[in-house]
C-alpha atoms as a PDB file:
ATOM      1  CA  UNK A   1     -23.420  52.583 -18.814  1.00  0.00           C
ATOM      2  CA  UNK A   2     -23.124  54.318 -15.455  1.00  0.00           C
ATOM      3  CA  UNK A   3     -25.931  55.180 -13.073  1.00  0.00           C
ATOM      4  CA  UNK A   4     -26.920  58.830 -12.606  1.00  0.00           C
ATOM      5  CA  UNK A   5     -29.289  59.942  -9.863  1.00  0.00           C
ATOM      6  CA  UNK A   6     -31.808  62.655 -10.653  1.00  0.00           C
ATOM      7  CA  UNK A   7     -31.991  65.330  -7.935  1.00  0.00           C
ATOM      8  CA  UNK A   8     -35.418  66.367  -9.229  1.00  0.00           C
ATOM      9  CA  UNK A   9     -37.356  63.130  -8.847  1.00  0.00           C
ATOM     10  CA  UNK A  10     -34.767  60.880  -7.159  1.00  0.00           C
ATOM     11  CA  UNK A  11     -35.260  58.277  -9.879  1.00  0.00           C
ATOM     12  CA  UNK A  12     -32.323  56.335 -11.260  1.00  0.00           C
ATOM     13  CA  UNK A  13     -31.589  56.947 -14.928  1.00  0.00           C
ATOM     14  CA  UNK A  14     -29.108  55.274 -17.259  1.00  0.00           C
ATOM     15  CA  UNK A  15     -26.551  57.669 -18.687  1.00  0.00           C
ATOM     16  CA  UNK A  16     -23.111  57.365 -20.172  1.00  0.00           C
ATOM     17  CA  UNK A  17     -21.665  59.457 -17.339  1.00  0.00           C
ATOM     18  CA  UNK A  18     -18.224  57.893 -17.518  1.00  0.00           C
ATOM     19  CA  UNK A  19     -17.669  59.869 -20.681  1.00  0.00           C
ATOM     20  CA  UNK A  20     -18.693  63.025 -18.863  1.00  0.00           C
ATOM     21  CA  UNK A  21     -15.919  65.409 -17.828  1.00  0.00           C
ATOM     22  CA  UNK A  22     -17.719  66.385 -14.628  1.00  0.00           C
ATOM     23  CA  UNK A  23     -18.028  62.744 -13.578  1.00  0.00           C
ATOM     24  CA  UNK A  24     -14.262  62.294 -13.752  1.00  0.00           C
ATOM     25  CA  UNK A  25     -13.574  65.672 -12.165  1.00  0.00           C
ATOM     26  CA  UNK A  26     -15.725  64.708  -9.207  1.00  0.00           C
ATOM     27  CA  UNK A  27     -14.021  61.318  -8.868  1.00  0.00           C
ATOM     28  CA  UNK A  28     -10.562  62.897  -8.980  1.00  0.00           C
ATOM     29  CA  UNK A  29     -11.576  65.650  -6.574  1.00  0.00           C
ATOM     30  CA  UNK A  30     -13.077  63.144  -4.145  1.00  0.00           C
ATOM     31  CA  UNK A  31      -9.909  61.049  -4.063  1.00  0.00           C
ATOM     32  CA  UNK A  32      -7.849  64.168  -3.364  1.00  0.00           C
ATOM     33  CA  UNK A  33     -10.170  65.179  -0.507  1.00  0.00           C
ATOM     34  CA  UNK A  34     -10.343  61.634   0.910  1.00  0.00           C
ATOM     35  CA  UNK A  35      -6.536  61.405   0.858  1.00  0.00           C
ATOM     36  CA  UNK A  36      -6.103  64.762   2.605  1.00  0.00           C
ATOM     37  CA  UNK A  37      -9.011  64.700   5.061  1.00  0.00           C
ATOM     38  CA  UNK A  38      -9.754  61.014   5.514  1.00  0.00           C
ATOM     39  CA  UNK A  39     -12.971  59.480   4.225  1.00  0.00           C
ATOM     40  CA  UNK A  40     -15.061  60.017   7.371  1.00  0.00           C
ATOM     41  CA  UNK A  41     -13.998  63.647   7.756  1.00  0.00           C
ATOM     42  CA  UNK A  42     -14.688  64.543   4.135  1.00  0.00           C
ATOM     43  CA  UNK A  43     -17.882  66.278   3.050  1.00  0.00           C
ATOM     44  CA  UNK A  44     -19.774  66.618  -0.211  1.00  0.00           C
ATOM     45  CA  UNK A  45     -19.177  70.378  -0.045  1.00  0.00           C
ATOM     46  CA  UNK A  46     -15.406  69.870   0.107  1.00  0.00           C
ATOM     47  CA  UNK A  47     -15.539  67.510  -2.859  1.00  0.00           C
ATOM     48  CA  UNK A  48     -17.705  69.925  -4.863  1.00  0.00           C
ATOM     49  CA  UNK A  49     -15.356  72.811  -4.111  1.00  0.00           C
ATOM     50  CA  UNK A  50     -12.328  70.752  -5.169  1.00  0.00           C
ATOM     51  CA  UNK A  51     -14.094  69.713  -8.387  1.00  0.00           C
ATOM     52  CA  UNK A  52     -15.275  73.258  -9.139  1.00  0.00           C
ATOM     53  CA  UNK A  53     -18.960  72.315  -9.228  1.00  0.00           C
ATOM     54  CA  UNK A  54     -22.027  73.088  -7.128  1.00  0.00           C
ATOM     55  CA  UNK A  55     -22.923  70.738  -4.282  1.00  0.00           C
ATOM     56  CA  UNK A  56     -26.106  69.711  -6.076  1.00  0.00           C
ATOM     57  CA  UNK A  57     -24.151  68.649  -9.158  1.00  0.00           C
ATOM     58  CA  UNK A  58     -22.575  65.835  -7.152  1.00  0.00           C
ATOM     59  CA  UNK A  59     -26.002  64.261  -6.684  1.00  0.00           C
ATOM     60  CA  UNK A  60     -26.601  64.152 -10.438  1.00  0.00           C
ATOM     61  CA  UNK A  61     -23.883  61.506 -10.608  1.00  0.00           C
ATOM     62  CA  UNK A  62     -23.627  59.928  -7.146  1.00  0.00           C
ATOM     63  CA  UNK A  63     -25.958  59.112  -4.255  1.00  0.00           C
ATOM     64  CA  UNK A  64     -23.477  60.113  -1.550  1.00  0.00           C
ATOM     65  CA  UNK A  65     -19.753  60.077  -0.765  1.00  0.00           C
ATOM     66  CA  UNK A  66     -19.850  56.302  -0.176  1.00  0.00           C
ATOM     67  CA  UNK A  67     -21.124  55.888  -3.716  1.00  0.00           C
ATOM     68  CA  UNK A  68     -18.312  58.121  -5.010  1.00  0.00           C
ATOM     69  CA  UNK A  69     -15.726  55.933  -3.295  1.00  0.00           C
ATOM     70  CA  UNK A  70     -17.360  52.756  -4.554  1.00  0.00           C
ATOM     71  CA  UNK A  71     -17.543  53.975  -8.144  1.00  0.00           C
ATOM     72  CA  UNK A  72     -13.970  55.234  -7.981  1.00  0.00           C
ATOM     73  CA  UNK A  73     -12.697  51.834  -6.898  1.00  0.00           C
ATOM     74  CA  UNK A  74     -14.769  50.056  -9.546  1.00  0.00           C
ATOM     75  CA  UNK A  75     -13.659  52.366 -12.352  1.00  0.00           C
ATOM     76  CA  UNK A  76     -10.031  52.636 -11.273  1.00  0.00           C
ATOM     77  CA  UNK A  77      -9.665  48.918 -10.601  1.00  0.00           C
ATOM     78  CA  UNK A  78     -10.760  47.990 -14.100  1.00  0.00           C
ATOM     79  CA  UNK A  79      -8.602  50.664 -15.692  1.00  0.00           C
ATOM     80  CA  UNK A  80      -5.451  49.897 -13.693  1.00  0.00           C
ATOM     81  CA  UNK A  81      -5.857  46.133 -13.926  1.00  0.00           C
ATOM     82  CA  UNK A  82      -6.374  46.390 -17.673  1.00  0.00           C
ATOM     83  CA  UNK A  83      -3.061  48.280 -17.866  1.00  0.00           C
ATOM     84  CA  UNK A  84      -1.405  45.562 -15.778  1.00  0.00           C
ATOM     85  CA  UNK A  85      -2.647  42.757 -18.019  1.00  0.00           C
ATOM     86  CA  UNK A  86      -1.784  44.489 -21.277  1.00  0.00           C
ATOM     87  CA  UNK A  87       1.761  45.205 -20.108  1.00  0.00           C
ATOM     88  CA  UNK A  88       2.315  41.703 -18.717  1.00  0.00           C
ATOM     89  CA  UNK A  89       1.007  40.005 -21.868  1.00  0.00           C
ATOM     90  CA  UNK A  90       3.686  41.738 -23.944  1.00  0.00           C
ATOM     91  CA  UNK A  91       6.394  39.832 -22.066  1.00  0.00           C
ATOM     92  CA  UNK A  92       7.249  36.277 -23.094  1.00  0.00           C
ATOM     93  CA  UNK A  93       8.686  34.487 -20.072  1.00  0.00           C
ATOM     94  CA  UNK A  94       7.425  34.300 -16.505  1.00  0.00           C
ATOM     95  CA  UNK A  95      10.300  36.153 -14.849  1.00  0.00           C
ATOM     96  CA  UNK A  96       9.969  39.102 -17.218  1.00  0.00           C
ATOM     97  CA  UNK A  97       6.211  39.064 -16.643  1.00  0.00           C
ATOM     98  CA  UNK A  98       6.686  39.184 -12.884  1.00  0.00           C
ATOM     99  CA  UNK A  99       9.172  42.069 -13.169  1.00  0.00           C
ATOM    100  CA  UNK A 100       6.792  43.900 -15.489  1.00  0.00           C
ATOM    101  CA  UNK A 101       3.807  43.418 -13.153  1.00  0.00           C
ATOM    102  CA  UNK A 102       5.597  44.759 -10.084  1.00  0.00           C
ATOM    103  CA  UNK A 103       7.167  47.627 -12.032  1.00  0.00           C
ATOM    104  CA  UNK A 104       3.905  48.822 -13.606  1.00  0.00           C
ATOM    105  CA  UNK A 105       2.110  48.421 -10.267  1.00  0.00           C
ATOM    106  CA  UNK A 106       4.599  50.783  -8.656  1.00  0.00           C
ATOM    107  CA  UNK A 107       4.419  53.134 -11.653  1.00  0.00           C
ATOM    108  CA  UNK A 108       0.637  53.436 -11.411  1.00  0.00           C
ATOM    109  CA  UNK A 109       0.696  54.234  -7.700  1.00  0.00           C
ATOM    110  CA  UNK A 110       3.649  56.591  -7.990  1.00  0.00           C
ATOM    111  CA  UNK A 111       1.827  58.450 -10.760  1.00  0.00           C
ATOM    112  CA  UNK A 112      -1.180  58.975  -8.472  1.00  0.00           C
ATOM    113  CA  UNK A 113      -0.092  59.203  -4.823  1.00  0.00           C
ATOM    114  CA  UNK A 114      -3.563  60.345  -3.736  1.00  0.00           C
ATOM    115  CA  UNK A 115      -5.018  57.119  -5.112  1.00  0.00           C
ATOM    116  CA  UNK A 116      -2.315  55.156  -3.303  1.00  0.00           C
ATOM    117  CA  UNK A 117      -3.157  56.921  -0.032  1.00  0.00           C
ATOM    118  CA  UNK A 118      -6.899  56.244  -0.349  1.00  0.00           C
ATOM    119  CA  UNK A 119      -6.260  52.608  -1.264  1.00  0.00           C
ATOM    120  CA  UNK A 120      -3.949  52.231   1.746  1.00  0.00           C
ATOM    121  CA  UNK A 121      -6.536  53.721   4.105  1.00  0.00           C
ATOM    122  CA  UNK A 122      -9.438  51.670   2.787  1.00  0.00           C
ATOM    123  CA  UNK A 123      -7.636  48.315   2.787  1.00  0.00           C
ATOM    124  CA  UNK A 124      -6.717  48.862   6.438  1.00  0.00           C
ATOM    125  CA  UNK A 125     -10.254  49.623   7.569  1.00  0.00           C
ATOM    126  CA  UNK A 126     -13.245  47.323   7.655  1.00  0.00           C
ATOM    127  CA  UNK A 127     -15.816  49.180   5.604  1.00  0.00           C
ATOM    128  CA  UNK A 128     -18.548  46.777   4.575  1.00  0.00           C
ATOM    129  CA  UNK A 129     -19.190  49.002   1.575  1.00  0.00           C
ATOM    130  CA  UNK A 130     -15.679  48.524   0.181  1.00  0.00           C
ATOM    131  CA  UNK A 131     -15.096  44.942   1.276  1.00  0.00           C
ATOM    132  CA  UNK A 132     -16.483  43.407  -1.923  1.00  0.00           C
ATOM    133  CA  UNK A 133     -14.571  45.879  -4.111  1.00  0.00           C
ATOM    134  CA  UNK A 134     -11.297  45.143  -2.345  1.00  0.00           C
ATOM    135  CA  UNK A 135     -11.922  41.383  -2.537  1.00  0.00           C
ATOM    136  CA  UNK A 136     -12.573  41.722  -6.261  1.00  0.00           C
ATOM    137  CA  UNK A 137      -9.323  43.658  -6.795  1.00  0.00           C
ATOM    138  CA  UNK A 138      -7.357  41.206  -4.684  1.00  0.00           C
ATOM    139  CA  UNK A 139      -8.710  38.170  -6.522  1.00  0.00           C
ATOM    140  CA  UNK A 140      -7.842  39.599  -9.947  1.00  0.00           C
ATOM    141  CA  UNK A 141      -4.311  40.382  -8.826  1.00  0.00           C
ATOM    142  CA  UNK A 142      -3.777  37.008  -7.149  1.00  0.00           C
ATOM    143  CA  UNK A 143      -5.055  35.199 -10.239  1.00  0.00           C
ATOM    144  CA  UNK A 144      -2.593  37.111 -12.410  1.00  0.00           C
ATOM    145  CA  UNK A 145       0.279  36.232 -10.078  1.00  0.00           C
ATOM    146  CA  UNK A 146      -0.812  32.585 -10.103  1.00  0.00           C
ATOM    147  CA  UNK A 147      -0.770  32.441 -13.896  1.00  0.00           C
ATOM    148  CA  UNK A 148       2.756  33.900 -13.945  1.00  0.00           C
ATOM    149  CA  UNK A 149       4.047  31.433 -11.338  1.00  0.00           C
ATOM    150  CA  UNK A 150       2.447  28.494 -13.129  1.00  0.00           C
ATOM    151  CA  UNK A 151       4.105  29.592 -16.365  1.00  0.00           C
ATOM    152  CA  UNK A 152       7.419  29.838 -14.499  1.00  0.00           C
ATOM    153  CA  UNK A 153       6.964  26.278 -13.258  1.00  0.00           C
ATOM    154  CA  UNK A 154       6.299  25.096 -16.821  1.00  0.00           C
ATOM    155  CA  UNK A 155       9.443  26.918 -17.996  1.00  0.00           C
ATOM    156  CA  UNK A 156      11.444  25.409 -15.100  1.00  0.00           C
ATOM    157  CA  UNK A 157      12.448  28.883 -13.909  1.00  0.00           C
ATOM    158  CA  UNK A 158      10.389  28.612 -10.711  1.00  0.00           C
ATOM    159  CA  UNK A 159      10.278  25.766  -8.204  1.00  0.00           C
ATOM    160  CA  UNK A 160       7.804  22.949  -8.690  1.00  0.00           C
ATOM    161  CA  UNK A 161       7.222  22.460  -4.959  1.00  0.00           C
ATOM    162  CA  UNK A 162       5.813  25.935  -4.333  1.00  0.00           C
ATOM    163  CA  UNK A 163       2.631  26.270  -2.273  1.00  0.00           C
ATOM    164  CA  UNK A 164       0.877  28.531  -4.781  1.00  0.00           C
ATOM    165  CA  UNK A 165      -1.688  30.007  -2.387  1.00  0.00           C
ATOM    166  CA  UNK A 166       1.124  31.096  -0.055  1.00  0.00           C
ATOM    167  CA  UNK A 167       3.322  32.446  -2.872  1.00  0.00           C
ATOM    168  CA  UNK A 168       0.516  34.613  -4.263  1.00  0.00           C
ATOM    169  CA  UNK A 169      -0.149  36.251  -0.910  1.00  0.00           C
ATOM    170  CA  UNK A 170       3.549  36.581  -0.148  1.00  0.00           C
ATOM    171  CA  UNK A 171       4.080  38.573  -3.349  1.00  0.00           C
ATOM    172  CA  UNK A 172       0.958  40.710  -2.963  1.00  0.00           C
ATOM    173  CA  UNK A 173       1.671  41.399   0.702  1.00  0.00           C
ATOM    174  CA  UNK A 174       5.248  42.466  -0.020  1.00  0.00           C
ATOM    175  CA  UNK A 175       4.174  44.737  -2.892  1.00  0.00           C
ATOM    176  CA  UNK A 176       1.476  46.410  -0.781  1.00  0.00           C
ATOM    177  CA  UNK A 177       3.861  46.953   2.136  1.00  0.00           C
ATOM    178  CA  UNK A 178       6.491  48.580  -0.107  1.00  0.00           C
ATOM    179  CA  UNK A 179       3.783  50.942  -1.388  1.00  0.00           C
ATOM    180  CA  UNK A 180       2.519  51.635   2.146  1.00  0.00           C
ATOM    181  CA  UNK A 181       5.980  52.630   3.374  1.00  0.00           C
ATOM    182  CA  UNK A 182       6.426  54.875   0.322  1.00  0.00           C
ATOM    183  CA  UNK A 183       3.054  56.575   0.935  1.00  0.00           C
ATOM    184  CA  UNK A 184       3.816  57.116   4.624  1.00  0.00           C
ATOM    185  CA  UNK A 185       7.161  58.676   3.665  1.00  0.00           C
ATOM    186  CA  UNK A 186       5.285  61.245   1.578  1.00  0.00           C
ATOM    187  CA  UNK A 187       6.613  59.790  -1.670  1.00  0.00           C
ATOM    188  CA  UNK A 188      10.096  61.078  -0.930  1.00  0.00           C
ATOM    189  CA  UNK A 189      11.879  58.504  -3.082  1.00  0.00           C
ATOM    190  CA  UNK A 190      11.436  56.697  -6.379  1.00  0.00           C
ATOM    191  CA  UNK A 191       8.966  53.887  -5.747  1.00  0.00           C
ATOM    192  CA  UNK A 192       9.641  52.252  -9.123  1.00  0.00           C
ATOM    193  CA  UNK A 193      13.318  51.798  -8.204  1.00  0.00           C
ATOM    194  CA  UNK A 194      12.176  49.239  -5.619  1.00  0.00           C
ATOM    195  CA  UNK A 195      10.672  46.914  -8.244  1.00  0.00           C
ATOM    196  CA  UNK A 196      13.732  44.977  -9.423  1.00  0.00           C
ATOM    197  CA  UNK A 197      15.243  44.491  -5.938  1.00  0.00           C
ATOM    198  CA  UNK A 198      11.879  43.189  -4.734  1.00  0.00           C
ATOM    199  CA  UNK A 199      11.550  40.731  -7.615  1.00  0.00           C
ATOM    200  CA  UNK A 200      15.132  39.566  -7.029  1.00  0.00           C
ATOM    201  CA  UNK A 201      14.172  38.917  -3.408  1.00  0.00           C
ATOM    202  CA  UNK A 202      11.168  36.864  -4.546  1.00  0.00           C
ATOM    203  CA  UNK A 203      13.308  34.797  -6.900  1.00  0.00           C
ATOM    204  CA  UNK A 204      16.459  34.355  -4.813  1.00  0.00           C
ATOM    205  CA  UNK A 205      15.190  34.524  -1.240  1.00  0.00           C
ATOM    206  CA  UNK A 206      17.381  35.653   1.640  1.00  0.00           C
ATOM    207  CA  UNK A 207      19.440  32.520   2.203  1.00  0.00           C
ATOM    208  CA  UNK A 208      22.960  31.956   0.917  1.00  0.00           C
ATOM    209  CA  UNK A 209      23.315  29.787  -2.195  1.00  0.00           C
ATOM    210  CA  UNK A 210      23.324  26.122  -1.240  1.00  0.00           C
ATOM    211  CA  UNK A 211      21.713  26.773   2.144  1.00  0.00           C
ATOM    212  CA  UNK A 212      18.594  24.821   1.243  1.00  0.00           C
ATOM    213  CA  UNK A 213      20.641  21.632   0.744  1.00  0.00           C
ATOM    214  CA  UNK A 214      21.994  21.953   4.307  1.00  0.00           C
ATOM    215  CA  UNK A 215      18.571  22.346   5.926  1.00  0.00           C
ATOM    216  CA  UNK A 216      17.084  19.025   6.977  1.00  0.00           C
END
């Protein structure tokens, strides 16, 4: 159950607003405005205009634009991460799971470039409001990567001597940077086409075959 704020008496009421078309229209409109204008330069009036509702309607669902951003991240994180997990669980071995995770991650962001832009902006700024949301998203993603790598170690398809904490952040950091470059380019190329080459880089590294045996 979502929280709705009454403009009449300013009391908080429980309401199933996430099933409400206006709730989702406002969220989508806000992300579009945030992506185009930047969060700090955006106004409630701009969001209302984009959503096709009156300014006052916004306050029936959200306290302010910070609350809109917070609820968007909470809602979208759960939805997107649920899609990630469902897709990954359909694969049997660790390498296919890793390929699937990176591919669907790129698909989700390519499908919604505005979301990708807002995510990029917010993860690069230190907003106290969003810090806990971003930490929550990051932890879920890192835990999923860890489970895939551990399965790969059990299947003997990934090295046993990996420093798991480093590997998780290496993969996440590379994925985020590929998305960032794509967003900055204006989405001028197929983001999903980068998935397999990136996974191959994770699995094979950049050294020539046999190089590791020659390094003392």
